[in-house]
Protein backbone atom coordinates (compact mmCIF):
# COMPACT_ATOMS: atom_id res chain seq x y z
CA MET A 1 -0.17 0.04 -0.09
CA ILE A 2 2.72 2.27 0.74
CA LYS A 3 4.46 1.60 -2.24
CA LEU A 4 1.38 2.01 -4.52
CA LYS A 5 1.32 5.58 -2.36
CA LYS A 6 4.51 6.52 -3.42
CA PHE A 7 4.16 5.39 -7.16
CA LEU A 8 0.64 7.48 -7.27
CA THR A 9 2.65 10.48 -6.06
CA LEU A 10 5.33 10.28 -8.16
CA ILE A 11 3.04 10.21 -11.15
CA ALA A 12 1.22 13.26 -10.31
CA LEU A 13 4.51 15.02 -9.50
CA ILE A 14 5.82 14.05 -13.07
CA LEU A 15 2.39 15.35 -14.66
CA PHE A 16 2.14 18.10 -12.46
CA LEU A 17 5.30 19.59 -13.59
CA SER A 18 5.12 18.58 -17.33
CA PRO A 19 1.82 20.40 -18.51
CA LEU A 20 0.68 18.98 -21.73
CA LYS A 21 -2.08 20.12 -24.01
CA SER A 22 -3.79 16.87 -25.72
CA ASN A 23 -6.86 15.45 -26.26
CA ALA A 24 -8.16 12.61 -24.17
CA ASP A 25 -11.84 11.35 -23.76
CA PHE A 26 -12.28 11.22 -20.11
CA GLU A 27 -16.58 11.46 -20.19
CA PRO A 28 -17.19 7.89 -20.57
CA LEU A 29 -14.93 6.77 -18.01
CA LYS A 30 -16.20 9.28 -15.73
CA VAL A 31 -19.54 8.33 -16.02
CA GLN A 32 -18.77 4.66 -15.33
CA ILE A 33 -17.03 6.00 -12.32
CA GLU A 34 -19.97 7.86 -11.34
CA LYS A 35 -22.01 4.79 -11.83
CA PHE A 36 -19.76 2.50 -9.75
CA GLN A 37 -19.33 5.11 -7.06
CA SER A 38 -23.20 5.14 -6.61
CA ILE A 39 -22.89 1.20 -6.25
CA LEU A 40 -20.35 1.11 -3.75
CA SER A 41 -22.04 3.75 -1.49
CA GLU A 42 -24.99 1.58 -1.85
CA ASN A 43 -23.68 -1.72 -0.04
CA GLU A 44 -20.87 -2.29 2.16
CA THR A 45 -19.69 -5.22 0.37
CA ILE A 46 -19.59 -6.35 -3.30
CA SER A 47 -18.86 -9.94 -4.74
CA LYS A 48 -15.30 -10.31 -6.21
CA ASP A 49 -17.15 -11.67 -9.74
CA TYR A 50 -19.10 -8.10 -9.66
CA LEU A 51 -16.00 -6.07 -9.22
CA LYS A 52 -14.06 -7.74 -11.83
CA GLU A 53 -16.66 -7.09 -14.14
CA ASN A 54 -16.99 -3.52 -13.24
CA LEU A 55 -13.05 -2.88 -13.31
CA GLU A 56 -13.20 -4.64 -16.85
CA ILE A 57 -15.74 -1.81 -17.92
CA LEU A 58 -13.97 0.79 -16.62
CA MET A 59 -10.78 -0.70 -18.53
CA ASP A 60 -12.97 -0.66 -21.44
CA LYS A 61 -13.77 3.18 -21.04
CA ALA A 62 -10.29 3.96 -20.15
CA SER A 63 -8.92 2.48 -23.71
CA PHE A 64 -10.51 5.41 -25.23
CA ILE A 65 -7.83 8.00 -23.44
CA GLU A 66 -5.59 9.26 -25.99
CA ASN A 67 -3.10 10.56 -24.40
CA GLU A 68 -0.37 8.51 -23.52
CA ILE A 69 0.45 9.84 -19.72
CA ALA A 70 -3.21 10.13 -18.77
CA SER A 71 -3.99 6.52 -19.99
CA SER A 72 -0.86 4.69 -18.71
CA ASP A 73 -1.68 5.96 -15.11
CA ILE A 74 -5.35 5.17 -15.16
CA ASN A 75 -4.91 1.79 -16.73
CA THR A 76 -1.85 1.18 -14.21
CA ASP A 77 -4.41 2.02 -11.39
CA LEU A 78 -7.03 -0.49 -12.80
CA ALA A 79 -4.89 -3.08 -13.48
CA LEU A 80 -3.17 -2.68 -9.71
CA LEU A 81 -6.76 -2.74 -8.21
CA MET A 82 -7.58 -6.01 -10.48
CA LYS A 83 -4.71 -7.58 -9.27
CA LYS A 84 -5.06 -6.85 -5.15
CA TYR A 85 -8.67 -7.06 -5.00
CA VAL A 86 -9.54 -9.85 -7.83
CA ASP A 87 -6.43 -11.83 -8.69
CA LYS A 88 -4.97 -12.13 -5.22
CA ASN A 89 -7.91 -11.84 -3.17
CA SER A 90 -8.92 -14.79 -1.60
CA ASN A 91 -12.18 -13.47 -0.29
CA ASN A 92 -15.56 -14.08 -2.35
CA THR A 93 -16.50 -10.16 -1.29
CA ILE A 94 -14.53 -6.76 -0.74
CA LYS A 95 -15.55 -3.92 1.22
CA SER A 96 -16.99 -1.07 -0.64
CA LYS A 97 -15.43 1.61 1.68
CA GLU A 98 -12.21 -0.02 0.95
CA LEU A 99 -12.86 0.32 -2.95
CA SER A 100 -14.91 3.49 -2.87
CA TYR A 101 -11.40 5.39 -1.76
CA TRP A 102 -9.34 3.72 -5.09
CA ILE A 103 -12.51 4.73 -7.39
CA LYS A 104 -12.67 8.34 -5.96
CA HIS A 105 -8.92 8.03 -6.66
CA LEU A 106 -9.24 7.46 -10.30
CA TYR A 107 -11.85 10.40 -10.68
CA ASP A 108 -9.66 12.84 -9.13
CA ASP A 109 -6.81 11.67 -11.37
CA LEU A 110 -9.29 12.50 -14.23
CA ASP A 111 -9.82 16.14 -12.72
CA LEU A 112 -6.22 16.80 -12.06
CA PHE A 113 -5.31 15.71 -15.63
CA LYS A 114 -7.91 18.44 -17.02
CA LYS A 115 -6.36 20.82 -14.53
CA MET A 116 -3.15 20.42 -16.45
CA GLY A 117 -4.82 21.03 -19.97
CA ILE A 118 -5.27 17.39 -20.88
CA THR A 119 -9.05 17.66 -21.89
CA GLY A 120 -11.69 15.47 -23.54
């Protein structure tokens, strides 16, 4: 968890220090994140299968991001979530509150990209 935070901080710092103008289609991903965040807020836990399904949908939406930096950051985050909560998790359910933190982080990253001039 600490390594992930350090990695994400490094990525954010790199992005912050290198303002870029580029097109990126964030809207489909933002809409899907909002839907998933709503589901998480309504349930204490979700099944690993349901999480996998939603992460795959998010990955599909993230594939439309054209900017290499934004795409790489979001796809890396989604892959880490898939690995941690689906592939390596022996439990069949996951606490929604824990997932909600990471899904909000994805949404915040998209806002950060927009502030940096990477627009969708």
